[in-house]
Protein backbone atom coordinates (compact mmCIF):
# COMPACT_ATOMS: atom_id res chain seq x y z
CA UNK A 1 28.88 10.27 -30.40
CA UNK A 2 28.66 12.01 -33.78
CA UNK A 3 32.26 13.14 -33.45
CA UNK A 4 33.37 9.52 -33.06
CA UNK A 5 31.69 8.52 -36.32
CA UNK A 6 33.13 11.54 -38.11
CA UNK A 7 36.59 10.87 -36.67
CA UNK A 8 36.48 7.29 -37.94
CA UNK A 9 35.38 8.44 -41.40
CA UNK A 10 38.09 11.10 -41.54
CA UNK A 11 40.75 8.59 -40.49
CA UNK A 12 39.64 6.17 -43.23
CA UNK A 13 39.61 8.91 -45.86
CA UNK A 14 43.05 10.05 -44.78
CA UNK A 15 44.40 6.51 -45.06
CA UNK A 16 42.86 6.08 -48.52
CA UNK A 17 44.32 9.39 -49.66
CA UNK A 18 47.77 8.41 -48.40
CA UNK A 19 47.65 5.07 -50.19
CA UNK A 20 46.52 6.76 -53.41
CA UNK A 21 49.27 9.38 -53.13
CA UNK A 22 51.88 6.65 -52.55
CA UNK A 23 50.77 4.93 -55.76
């Protein structure tokens, strides 16, 4: 249960980091 929430957060952070790096 907790892992699912953490996984979702990590995925979102990763996506944000990628978008920022692309810019």
